Protein backbone atom coordinates (compact mmCIF):
# COMPACT_ATOMS: atom_id res chain seq x y z
CA MET A 1 50.75 22.73 1.66
CA ASN A 2 50.71 21.51 -1.90
CA ASP A 3 49.33 18.10 -0.76
CA SER A 4 46.48 19.84 1.03
CA SER A 5 45.46 21.83 -2.02
CA THR A 6 45.65 18.67 -4.15
CA GLU A 7 43.39 16.86 -1.69
CA GLN A 8 40.88 19.73 -1.73
CA SER A 9 40.93 19.79 -5.51
CA THR A 10 40.34 16.02 -5.64
CA LEU A 11 37.54 16.35 -3.09
CA LYS A 12 35.87 19.11 -5.13
CA GLN A 13 36.01 16.86 -8.19
CA CYS A 14 34.45 13.93 -6.29
CA ILE A 15 31.56 15.88 -4.74
CA PRO A 16 29.51 16.15 -7.97
CA ASP A 17 29.93 12.44 -8.63
CA LEU A 18 28.91 11.58 -5.07
CA LEU A 19 25.89 13.87 -5.25
CA LEU A 20 24.72 12.31 -8.50
CA LEU A 21 25.28 8.86 -7.06
CA ASN A 22 23.23 9.75 -3.98
CA LEU A 23 20.48 11.28 -6.13
CA GLN A 24 20.33 8.09 -8.18
CA ARG A 25 20.32 5.95 -5.04
CA VAL A 26 17.49 7.91 -3.43
CA ASP A 27 15.53 8.03 -6.69
CA ALA A 28 15.87 4.26 -7.06
CA ALA A 29 14.66 3.86 -3.46
CA VAL A 30 11.59 6.01 -4.24
CA ASP A 31 10.85 3.85 -7.29
CA GLY A 32 11.36 0.73 -5.19
CA GLU A 33 8.86 1.93 -2.59
CA TYR A 34 6.31 2.70 -5.31
CA SER A 35 6.83 -0.80 -6.72
CA GLU A 36 6.50 -2.36 -3.28
CA ASN A 37 3.23 -0.52 -2.67
CA ASP A 38 2.00 -1.72 -6.07
CA ARG A 39 2.81 -5.30 -5.08
CA ARG A 40 1.03 -4.89 -1.74
CA LEU A 41 -2.05 -3.50 -3.46
CA ASN A 42 -2.09 -6.18 -6.19
CA TRP A 43 -1.81 -8.95 -3.61
CA PHE A 44 -4.52 -7.31 -1.51
CA LEU A 45 -6.97 -6.95 -4.39
CA LEU A 46 -6.46 -10.54 -5.50
CA PHE A 47 -6.91 -11.81 -1.96
CA GLN A 48 -10.04 -9.68 -1.47
CA ALA A 49 -11.57 -11.10 -4.64
CA PHE A 50 -11.18 -14.63 -3.28
CA LEU A 51 -12.61 -13.59 0.08
CA PHE A 52 -15.64 -11.90 -1.47
CA GLN A 53 -16.24 -14.97 -3.64
CA GLY A 54 -15.99 -17.21 -0.58
CA TYR A 55 -18.41 -14.98 1.28
CA ALA A 56 -20.92 -15.11 -1.56
CA THR A 57 -20.60 -18.89 -1.87
CA SER A 58 -21.06 -19.39 1.88
CA LEU A 59 -24.02 -17.04 1.97
CA GLN A 60 -25.59 -18.89 -0.92
CA ALA A 61 -25.11 -22.18 0.97
CA ILE A 62 -26.96 -20.73 3.97
CA THR A 63 -29.82 -19.01 2.18
CA GLY A 64 -30.43 -21.67 -0.44
CA ALA A 65 -29.84 -24.73 1.72
CA ASN A 66 -31.79 -27.87 0.91
CA PRO A 67 -33.51 -29.54 3.85
CA GLU A 68 -31.08 -32.44 3.54
CA HIS A 69 -28.09 -30.07 3.96
CA LYS A 70 -29.33 -28.30 7.10
CA ASN A 71 -26.48 -29.82 9.11
CA LEU A 72 -23.98 -27.81 7.00
CA ILE A 73 -25.50 -24.42 7.87
CA PRO A 74 -23.51 -23.98 11.12
CA HIS A 75 -20.30 -24.71 9.20
CA ALA A 76 -21.21 -22.16 6.50
CA GLN A 77 -22.00 -19.61 9.23
CA ALA A 78 -18.63 -20.21 10.88
CA LEU A 79 -16.98 -19.83 7.48
CA LEU A 80 -18.79 -16.51 6.94
CA ILE A 81 -17.55 -15.19 10.27
CA THR A 82 -14.00 -16.33 9.46
CA ILE A 83 -14.08 -14.75 5.99
CA ILE A 84 -15.35 -11.45 7.41
CA ALA A 85 -12.64 -11.46 10.10
CA VAL A 86 -9.89 -12.25 7.57
CA GLY A 87 -11.21 -9.53 5.24
CA LEU A 88 -11.17 -6.96 8.05
CA ILE A 89 -7.72 -7.96 9.26
CA THR A 90 -6.14 -8.00 5.79
CA GLY A 91 -7.79 -4.68 4.97
CA LEU A 92 -6.36 -3.11 8.11
CA LEU A 93 -2.90 -4.62 7.69
CA THR A 94 -2.68 -3.66 4.03
CA HIS A 95 -3.79 -0.13 4.87
CA LEU A 96 -1.09 0.14 7.55
CA SER A 97 1.65 -1.27 5.31
CA THR A 98 0.77 0.89 2.31
CA GLN A 99 0.63 3.99 4.52
CA ALA A 100 4.05 3.09 5.92
CA GLY A 101 5.29 2.79 2.32
CA ILE A 102 3.81 6.18 1.46
CA SER A 103 5.51 7.71 4.52
CA ALA A 104 8.82 6.17 3.44
CA ILE A 105 8.31 7.62 -0.03
CA GLU A 106 7.70 11.08 1.43
CA GLU A 107 10.86 10.88 3.53
CA LEU A 108 12.88 9.76 0.52
CA LYS A 109 11.43 12.60 -1.56
CA GLN A 110 12.51 15.08 1.11
CA GLU A 111 16.02 13.60 1.02
CA ARG A 112 15.99 13.79 -2.78
CA GLU A 113 14.95 17.44 -2.62
CA LYS A 114 17.85 18.24 -0.26
CA LEU A 115 20.25 16.52 -2.64
CA ARG A 116 18.77 18.46 -5.58
CA VAL A 117 19.37 21.77 -3.82
CA GLU A 118 22.92 20.75 -3.01
CA ALA A 119 23.48 19.60 -6.59
CA GLU A 120 22.24 22.94 -7.90
CA PHE A 121 24.72 24.65 -5.57
CA TRP A 122 27.49 22.70 -7.31
CA ARG A 123 25.93 23.55 -10.69
CA ILE A 124 24.98 19.95 -11.42
CA SER A 125 22.04 19.56 -13.77
CA THR A 126 19.05 18.04 -11.99
CA ALA A 127 16.77 17.97 -15.03
CA GLY A 128 14.56 14.91 -14.96
CA TRP A 129 14.48 14.55 -11.18
CA TYR A 130 10.93 15.02 -9.96
CA PRO A 131 10.27 17.78 -7.47
CA LYS A 132 8.93 16.84 -4.05
CA SER A 133 5.42 18.13 -4.71
CA ASP A 134 4.79 16.57 -8.10
CA PRO A 135 0.96 16.21 -8.24
CA ARG A 136 1.18 13.29 -10.68
CA HIS A 137 2.73 11.10 -8.00
CA ASP A 138 0.16 12.14 -5.40
CA GLN A 139 -2.72 11.38 -7.77
CA GLY A 140 -1.19 8.02 -8.57
CA LEU A 141 -1.31 7.09 -4.89
CA LEU A 142 -5.11 7.45 -4.62
CA PRO A 143 -5.81 3.70 -5.12
CA THR A 144 -3.07 2.86 -2.63
CA ARG A 145 -4.46 5.31 -0.08
CA TRP A 146 -8.14 4.47 -0.51
CA GLY A 147 -8.38 0.87 -1.78
CA PRO A 148 -7.77 -0.86 1.56
CA ARG A 149 -9.96 1.68 3.38
CA ILE A 150 -12.89 1.11 1.04
CA SER A 151 -12.51 -2.64 1.32
CA PHE A 152 -12.38 -2.38 5.12
CA VAL A 153 -15.67 -0.43 5.08
CA ALA A 154 -17.19 -3.02 2.74
CA TRP A 155 -16.25 -5.81 5.17
CA ILE A 156 -17.83 -3.85 8.03
CA ALA A 157 -20.99 -3.53 5.94
CA LEU A 158 -20.94 -7.28 5.27
CA ALA A 159 -20.45 -7.98 8.99
CA ILE A 160 -23.51 -5.84 9.76
CA HIS A 161 -25.41 -7.60 6.97
CA TYR A 162 -24.45 -10.99 8.38
CA ALA A 163 -25.49 -9.92 11.89
CA TRP A 164 -28.82 -8.76 10.47
CA LEU A 165 -29.31 -12.10 8.71
CA SER A 166 -28.49 -13.96 11.90
CA LEU A 167 -31.06 -12.21 14.08
CA PRO A 168 -33.60 -14.80 15.19
CA CYS A 169 -36.54 -12.37 15.18
CA ILE A 170 -36.05 -11.58 11.47
CA ASN A 171 -35.58 -15.15 10.32
CA SER A 172 -38.65 -16.56 12.10
């Protein structure tokens, strides 16, 4: 009987340490997901800048072509179509991956909130741990939520613009 009470006493001493360890683990995972979304968005914006520059350069080659470079116009047109397609695909994929990251963050925040409640039950200080509904974090996700969507819409607009430029009745 004495061994059982000793085990329970040891277990009660370990629970606060385990709770704090789990809180730190989940909090680090939340920070890791935020960092991963930042990396996704940084890569995406850099890649989009190169694509937009390539689009502008190709469009300039088509619209300002010298008569001696007319044979390059079909290649520039193919490049425009490729750039638009890559822009649309990367916009969609980045949107999906950042949204998956945001969903993972929300799940981790829910887990963190459960651990906070349990820690408070054991009278463990949870000062400094952000609550689940902290508006600062939600506002900070606006570029992550909307950046790829806006870029996707811009590529659709450029695709429509390119189709308009390519209409034979307008160009003749």
